[in-house]
């Protein structure tokens, strides 16, 4: 007579909601398919989807950089950063039916080596429907207001930060409900609600 023994495998551990790993990254509530632990729930964190955007002032991990968007100014108020240009030239650059969105970008390099954040990190605007609209304005900020992101910020080594001001010219009717999208060279993209 043969006796068979049934062995029930223990399920892989499931992280408690809100728990983090040794690097401080959030853990998913579901085990990974290979049963080797848990997966990072990046899609649930603010900024990783249009449905759950980050806020101004949040730190975004993109490529080799930690990026913070700050000091967002829109419409006529944003023109203060371009007062070196006469009003008629500002109108020509921004374009009829468009509005100006101006904001600070601070990038801190956390990877070894060096890089130029204004080359690695780019911005665009998404309409409420999710279409890319508008684009960078061909207008440099006043010299007194600091480096212009589009003109280049210079090089930063590991641990160093650089800040510049970027600006987008977008259709008037996309400002309300639209999102700022910040991308890196590796295809990563995060979304910020600047309202």
C-alpha atoms as a PDB file:
ATOM      1  CA  UNK A   1       0.000   0.000   0.000  1.00  0.00           C
ATOM      2  CA  UNK A   2       1.349   3.418  -1.027  1.00  0.00           C
ATOM      3  CA  UNK A   3       0.790   6.448   1.153  1.00  0.00           C
ATOM      4  CA  UNK A   4       0.820   9.820  -0.542  1.00  0.00           C
ATOM      5  CA  UNK A   5       1.348  12.997   1.348  1.00  0.00           C
ATOM      6  CA  UNK A   6      -0.215  16.249   0.219  1.00  0.00           C
ATOM      7  CA  UNK A   7       1.944  19.309   0.754  1.00  0.00           C
ATOM      8  CA  UNK A   8       0.362  22.728   0.493  1.00  0.00           C
ATOM      9  CA  UNK A   9       2.790  25.403  -0.527  1.00  0.00           C
ATOM     10  CA  UNK A  10       2.790  28.581   1.494  1.00  0.00           C
ATOM     11  CA  UNK A  11       1.660  31.557  -0.599  1.00  0.00           C
ATOM     12  CA  UNK A  12       4.229  34.278  -1.165  1.00  0.00           C
ATOM     13  CA  UNK A  13       4.073  37.121   1.345  1.00  0.00           C
ATOM     14  CA  UNK A  14       1.698  39.979   0.618  1.00  0.00           C
ATOM     15  CA  UNK A  15       2.722  43.479   1.659  1.00  0.00           C
ATOM     16  CA  UNK A  16       0.492  45.403   3.996  1.00  0.00           C
ATOM     17  CA  UNK A  17      -1.126  48.461   2.376  1.00  0.00           C
ATOM     18  CA  UNK A  18       1.146  51.454   2.688  1.00  0.00           C
ATOM     19  CA  UNK A  19       4.285  49.414   3.408  1.00  0.00           C
ATOM     20  CA  UNK A  20       7.590  50.155   1.704  1.00  0.00           C
ATOM     21  CA  UNK A  21      10.717  48.206   0.838  1.00  0.00           C
ATOM     22  CA  UNK A  22      14.287  48.812   2.082  1.00  0.00           C
ATOM     23  CA  UNK A  23      14.633  51.705  -0.387  1.00  0.00           C
ATOM     24  CA  UNK A  24      11.476  53.401   0.813  1.00  0.00           C
ATOM     25  CA  UNK A  25       9.553  52.500  -2.356  1.00  0.00           C
ATOM     26  CA  UNK A  26       5.886  51.489  -2.049  1.00  0.00           C
ATOM     27  CA  UNK A  27       5.024  47.820  -2.338  1.00  0.00           C
ATOM     28  CA  UNK A  28       2.019  46.459  -4.179  1.00  0.00           C
ATOM     29  CA  UNK A  29      -0.624  44.540  -2.260  1.00  0.00           C
ATOM     30  CA  UNK A  30      -0.414  41.656  -4.738  1.00  0.00           C
ATOM     31  CA  UNK A  31       2.488  39.179  -4.938  1.00  0.00           C
ATOM     32  CA  UNK A  32       4.438  39.090  -8.161  1.00  0.00           C
ATOM     33  CA  UNK A  33       3.632  36.314 -10.677  1.00  0.00           C
ATOM     34  CA  UNK A  34       6.873  34.446  -9.988  1.00  0.00           C
ATOM     35  CA  UNK A  35       6.125  34.342  -6.272  1.00  0.00           C
ATOM     36  CA  UNK A  36       9.473  35.914  -5.461  1.00  0.00           C
ATOM     37  CA  UNK A  37       8.140  38.733  -3.316  1.00  0.00           C
ATOM     38  CA  UNK A  38       6.195  41.834  -4.217  1.00  0.00           C
ATOM     39  CA  UNK A  39       6.159  44.363  -6.991  1.00  0.00           C
ATOM     40  CA  UNK A  40       6.407  48.127  -6.754  1.00  0.00           C
ATOM     41  CA  UNK A  41       3.030  49.746  -7.264  1.00  0.00           C
ATOM     42  CA  UNK A  42       4.348  52.663  -9.293  1.00  0.00           C
ATOM     43  CA  UNK A  43       1.047  53.068 -11.116  1.00  0.00           C
ATOM     44  CA  UNK A  44      -0.682  53.849  -7.841  1.00  0.00           C
ATOM     45  CA  UNK A  45       1.676  56.632  -6.797  1.00  0.00           C
ATOM     46  CA  UNK A  46       0.799  60.229  -7.742  1.00  0.00           C
ATOM     47  CA  UNK A  47       2.390  61.313 -10.999  1.00  0.00           C
ATOM     48  CA  UNK A  48       2.558  57.969 -12.786  1.00  0.00           C
ATOM     49  CA  UNK A  49      -0.818  58.322 -14.507  1.00  0.00           C
ATOM     50  CA  UNK A  50      -2.995  61.100 -15.877  1.00  0.00           C
ATOM     51  CA  UNK A  51      -5.779  59.931 -13.593  1.00  0.00           C
ATOM     52  CA  UNK A  52      -3.605  60.429 -10.493  1.00  0.00           C
ATOM     53  CA  UNK A  53      -1.218  63.318 -11.257  1.00  0.00           C
ATOM     54  CA  UNK A  54       1.426  64.665  -8.918  1.00  0.00           C
ATOM     55  CA  UNK A  55       1.206  68.168  -7.471  1.00  0.00           C
ATOM     56  CA  UNK A  56       3.481  71.171  -7.826  1.00  0.00           C
ATOM     57  CA  UNK A  57       6.368  70.720  -5.387  1.00  0.00           C
ATOM     58  CA  UNK A  58       6.338  66.902  -5.455  1.00  0.00           C
ATOM     59  CA  UNK A  59       9.631  65.131  -6.206  1.00  0.00           C
ATOM     60  CA  UNK A  60       9.507  63.056  -9.404  1.00  0.00           C
ATOM     61  CA  UNK A  61      12.064  60.307 -10.071  1.00  0.00           C
ATOM     62  CA  UNK A  62      12.883  60.437 -13.785  1.00  0.00           C
ATOM     63  CA  UNK A  63      15.887  58.706 -15.312  1.00  0.00           C
ATOM     64  CA  UNK A  64      19.005  59.868 -13.487  1.00  0.00           C
ATOM     65  CA  UNK A  65      17.248  62.827 -11.885  1.00  0.00           C
ATOM     66  CA  UNK A  66      14.922  63.847  -9.075  1.00  0.00           C
ATOM     67  CA  UNK A  67      12.770  66.591 -10.596  1.00  0.00           C
ATOM     68  CA  UNK A  68      10.628  69.197  -8.823  1.00  0.00           C
ATOM     69  CA  UNK A  69       8.255  71.561 -10.638  1.00  0.00           C
ATOM     70  CA  UNK A  70       7.652  74.791  -8.743  1.00  0.00           C
ATOM     71  CA  UNK A  71       6.516  78.421  -8.974  1.00  0.00           C
ATOM     72  CA  UNK A  72       3.936  77.918 -11.737  1.00  0.00           C
ATOM     73  CA  UNK A  73       2.601  81.143 -13.270  1.00  0.00           C
ATOM     74  CA  UNK A  74       0.121  81.350 -16.144  1.00  0.00           C
ATOM     75  CA  UNK A  75      -1.455  83.852 -18.512  1.00  0.00           C
ATOM     76  CA  UNK A  76      -0.618  87.550 -18.294  1.00  0.00           C
ATOM     77  CA  UNK A  77       1.031  87.045 -14.894  1.00  0.00           C
ATOM     78  CA  UNK A  78       3.667  84.852 -16.560  1.00  0.00           C
ATOM     79  CA  UNK A  79       4.770  87.674 -18.808  1.00  0.00           C
ATOM     80  CA  UNK A  80       6.700  89.213 -15.890  1.00  0.00           C
ATOM     81  CA  UNK A  81       9.485  86.735 -16.651  1.00  0.00           C
ATOM     82  CA  UNK A  82       9.742  88.013 -20.242  1.00  0.00           C
ATOM     83  CA  UNK A  83       9.651  91.765 -19.672  1.00  0.00           C
ATOM     84  CA  UNK A  84      12.927  92.112 -21.626  1.00  0.00           C
ATOM     85  CA  UNK A  85      10.717  91.667 -24.716  1.00  0.00           C
ATOM     86  CA  UNK A  86       8.291  94.379 -25.832  1.00  0.00           C
ATOM     87  CA  UNK A  87       4.603  93.375 -25.500  1.00  0.00           C
ATOM     88  CA  UNK A  88       4.034  93.115 -29.268  1.00  0.00           C
ATOM     89  CA  UNK A  89       6.956  90.702 -29.610  1.00  0.00           C
ATOM     90  CA  UNK A  90       5.600  88.639 -26.691  1.00  0.00           C
ATOM     91  CA  UNK A  91       2.242  88.461 -28.486  1.00  0.00           C
ATOM     92  CA  UNK A  92       3.890  87.288 -31.707  1.00  0.00           C
ATOM     93  CA  UNK A  93       5.833  84.535 -29.923  1.00  0.00           C
ATOM     94  CA  UNK A  94       2.979  83.286 -27.732  1.00  0.00           C
ATOM     95  CA  UNK A  95       0.542  83.344 -30.642  1.00  0.00           C
ATOM     96  CA  UNK A  96      -3.110  84.256 -30.979  1.00  0.00           C
ATOM     97  CA  UNK A  97      -5.421  81.984 -29.017  1.00  0.00           C
ATOM     98  CA  UNK A  98      -2.578  80.737 -26.817  1.00  0.00           C
ATOM     99  CA  UNK A  99      -1.602  81.382 -23.232  1.00  0.00           C
ATOM    100  CA  UNK A 100       1.763  81.228 -21.486  1.00  0.00           C
ATOM    101  CA  UNK A 101       2.593  78.691 -18.757  1.00  0.00           C
ATOM    102  CA  UNK A 102       5.872  79.429 -16.945  1.00  0.00           C
ATOM    103  CA  UNK A 103       7.392  77.277 -14.181  1.00  0.00           C
ATOM    104  CA  UNK A 104      10.605  76.441 -12.378  1.00  0.00           C
ATOM    105  CA  UNK A 105      12.313  73.098 -12.940  1.00  0.00           C
ATOM    106  CA  UNK A 106      14.799  71.853 -10.342  1.00  0.00           C
ATOM    107  CA  UNK A 107      16.725  68.676 -11.167  1.00  0.00           C
ATOM    108  CA  UNK A 108      19.024  66.831  -8.747  1.00  0.00           C
ATOM    109  CA  UNK A 109      21.276  64.149 -10.169  1.00  0.00           C
ATOM    110  CA  UNK A 110      21.282  60.960  -8.097  1.00  0.00           C
ATOM    111  CA  UNK A 111      23.176  58.726 -10.564  1.00  0.00           C
ATOM    112  CA  UNK A 112      26.970  58.461 -10.782  1.00  0.00           C
ATOM    113  CA  UNK A 113      28.742  60.662 -13.271  1.00  0.00           C
ATOM    114  CA  UNK A 114      27.318  63.862 -14.671  1.00  0.00           C
ATOM    115  CA  UNK A 115      24.722  65.127 -17.086  1.00  0.00           C
ATOM    116  CA  UNK A 116      22.905  68.228 -18.254  1.00  0.00           C
ATOM    117  CA  UNK A 117      19.349  68.145 -16.935  1.00  0.00           C
ATOM    118  CA  UNK A 118      17.959  70.506 -19.558  1.00  0.00           C
ATOM    119  CA  UNK A 119      19.086  67.978 -22.190  1.00  0.00           C
ATOM    120  CA  UNK A 120      17.744  64.950 -20.295  1.00  0.00           C
ATOM    121  CA  UNK A 121      14.445  66.351 -19.005  1.00  0.00           C
ATOM    122  CA  UNK A 122      11.769  67.829 -21.273  1.00  0.00           C
ATOM    123  CA  UNK A 123       8.273  69.191 -20.727  1.00  0.00           C
ATOM    124  CA  UNK A 124       5.085  69.336 -22.751  1.00  0.00           C
ATOM    125  CA  UNK A 125       1.410  70.092 -22.167  1.00  0.00           C
ATOM    126  CA  UNK A 126      -1.481  67.642 -22.379  1.00  0.00           C
ATOM    127  CA  UNK A 127      -5.016  68.789 -23.111  1.00  0.00           C
ATOM    128  CA  UNK A 128      -7.836  67.550 -20.837  1.00  0.00           C
ATOM    129  CA  UNK A 129      -8.411  64.818 -23.448  1.00  0.00           C
ATOM    130  CA  UNK A 130      -4.760  63.730 -23.248  1.00  0.00           C
ATOM    131  CA  UNK A 131      -3.417  65.134 -26.536  1.00  0.00           C
ATOM    132  CA  UNK A 132      -0.034  66.872 -26.663  1.00  0.00           C
ATOM    133  CA  UNK A 133      -0.675  70.509 -27.542  1.00  0.00           C
ATOM    134  CA  UNK A 134       1.340  73.685 -27.802  1.00  0.00           C
ATOM    135  CA  UNK A 135       5.058  73.635 -27.250  1.00  0.00           C
ATOM    136  CA  UNK A 136       8.060  75.455 -25.897  1.00  0.00           C
ATOM    137  CA  UNK A 137       8.027  79.206 -26.510  1.00  0.00           C
ATOM    138  CA  UNK A 138      10.980  80.586 -28.411  1.00  0.00           C
ATOM    139  CA  UNK A 139      11.540  83.158 -25.695  1.00  0.00           C
ATOM    140  CA  UNK A 140      14.263  83.275 -23.045  1.00  0.00           C
ATOM    141  CA  UNK A 141      13.451  84.451 -19.528  1.00  0.00           C
ATOM    142  CA  UNK A 142      14.880  87.686 -18.191  1.00  0.00           C
ATOM    143  CA  UNK A 143      18.510  87.263 -17.191  1.00  0.00           C
ATOM    144  CA  UNK A 144      17.716  88.470 -13.674  1.00  0.00           C
ATOM    145  CA  UNK A 145      15.223  85.602 -13.197  1.00  0.00           C
ATOM    146  CA  UNK A 146      17.913  82.935 -13.504  1.00  0.00           C
ATOM    147  CA  UNK A 147      18.804  80.299 -16.097  1.00  0.00           C
ATOM    148  CA  UNK A 148      16.357  79.572 -18.891  1.00  0.00           C
ATOM    149  CA  UNK A 149      15.689  75.809 -19.103  1.00  0.00           C
ATOM    150  CA  UNK A 150      15.359  75.855 -22.882  1.00  0.00           C
ATOM    151  CA  UNK A 151      18.681  77.658 -23.293  1.00  0.00           C
ATOM    152  CA  UNK A 152      20.587  75.093 -21.221  1.00  0.00           C
ATOM    153  CA  UNK A 153      21.337  74.874 -17.522  1.00  0.00           C
ATOM    154  CA  UNK A 154      24.849  73.489 -17.546  1.00  0.00           C
ATOM    155  CA  UNK A 155      26.279  70.271 -16.138  1.00  0.00           C
ATOM    156  CA  UNK A 156      25.542  68.648 -12.773  1.00  0.00           C
ATOM    157  CA  UNK A 157      27.405  65.840 -11.022  1.00  0.00           C
ATOM    158  CA  UNK A 158      25.973  63.284  -8.598  1.00  0.00           C
ATOM    159  CA  UNK A 159      24.235  65.044  -5.704  1.00  0.00           C
ATOM    160  CA  UNK A 160      24.178  68.466  -7.386  1.00  0.00           C
ATOM    161  CA  UNK A 161      21.029  70.413  -8.319  1.00  0.00           C
ATOM    162  CA  UNK A 162      20.299  72.926 -11.051  1.00  0.00           C
ATOM    163  CA  UNK A 163      17.228  75.127 -11.416  1.00  0.00           C
ATOM    164  CA  UNK A 164      15.895  76.858 -14.506  1.00  0.00           C
ATOM    165  CA  UNK A 165      12.658  78.404 -15.740  1.00  0.00           C
ATOM    166  CA  UNK A 166      10.766  76.719 -18.575  1.00  0.00           C
ATOM    167  CA  UNK A 167       7.767  78.006 -20.471  1.00  0.00           C
ATOM    168  CA  UNK A 168       5.130  76.564 -22.768  1.00  0.00           C
ATOM    169  CA  UNK A 169       2.707  78.271 -25.121  1.00  0.00           C
ATOM    170  CA  UNK A 170      -0.542  76.321 -25.048  1.00  0.00           C
ATOM    171  CA  UNK A 171      -4.065  76.798 -26.457  1.00  0.00           C
ATOM    172  CA  UNK A 172      -6.203  78.889 -24.092  1.00  0.00           C
ATOM    173  CA  UNK A 173      -8.915  76.248 -23.853  1.00  0.00           C
ATOM    174  CA  UNK A 174      -6.525  73.541 -22.596  1.00  0.00           C
ATOM    175  CA  UNK A 175      -5.278  75.310 -19.472  1.00  0.00           C
ATOM    176  CA  UNK A 176      -8.188  74.271 -17.253  1.00  0.00           C
ATOM    177  CA  UNK A 177      -8.075  70.500 -16.864  1.00  0.00           C
ATOM    178  CA  UNK A 178      -4.778  70.120 -18.722  1.00  0.00           C
ATOM    179  CA  UNK A 179      -1.628  68.578 -17.268  1.00  0.00           C
ATOM    180  CA  UNK A 180       2.082  69.261 -17.445  1.00  0.00           C
ATOM    181  CA  UNK A 181       3.984  66.183 -18.648  1.00  0.00           C
ATOM    182  CA  UNK A 182       7.669  65.794 -17.708  1.00  0.00           C
ATOM    183  CA  UNK A 183       9.717  63.227 -19.648  1.00  0.00           C
ATOM    184  CA  UNK A 184      13.236  61.803 -19.613  1.00  0.00           C
ATOM    185  CA  UNK A 185      15.472  60.401 -22.349  1.00  0.00           C
ATOM    186  CA  UNK A 186      14.563  56.813 -21.451  1.00  0.00           C
ATOM    187  CA  UNK A 187      10.862  57.198 -22.195  1.00  0.00           C
ATOM    188  CA  UNK A 188       9.732  57.774 -18.630  1.00  0.00           C
ATOM    189  CA  UNK A 189       6.929  60.280 -18.186  1.00  0.00           C
ATOM    190  CA  UNK A 190       5.149  61.780 -15.209  1.00  0.00           C
ATOM    191  CA  UNK A 191       2.149  64.075 -14.964  1.00  0.00           C
ATOM    192  CA  UNK A 192       1.628  67.176 -12.810  1.00  0.00           C
ATOM    193  CA  UNK A 193      -1.544  69.094 -12.058  1.00  0.00           C
ATOM    194  CA  UNK A 194      -0.421  72.729 -11.936  1.00  0.00           C
ATOM    195  CA  UNK A 195      -3.845  74.216 -11.105  1.00  0.00           C
END
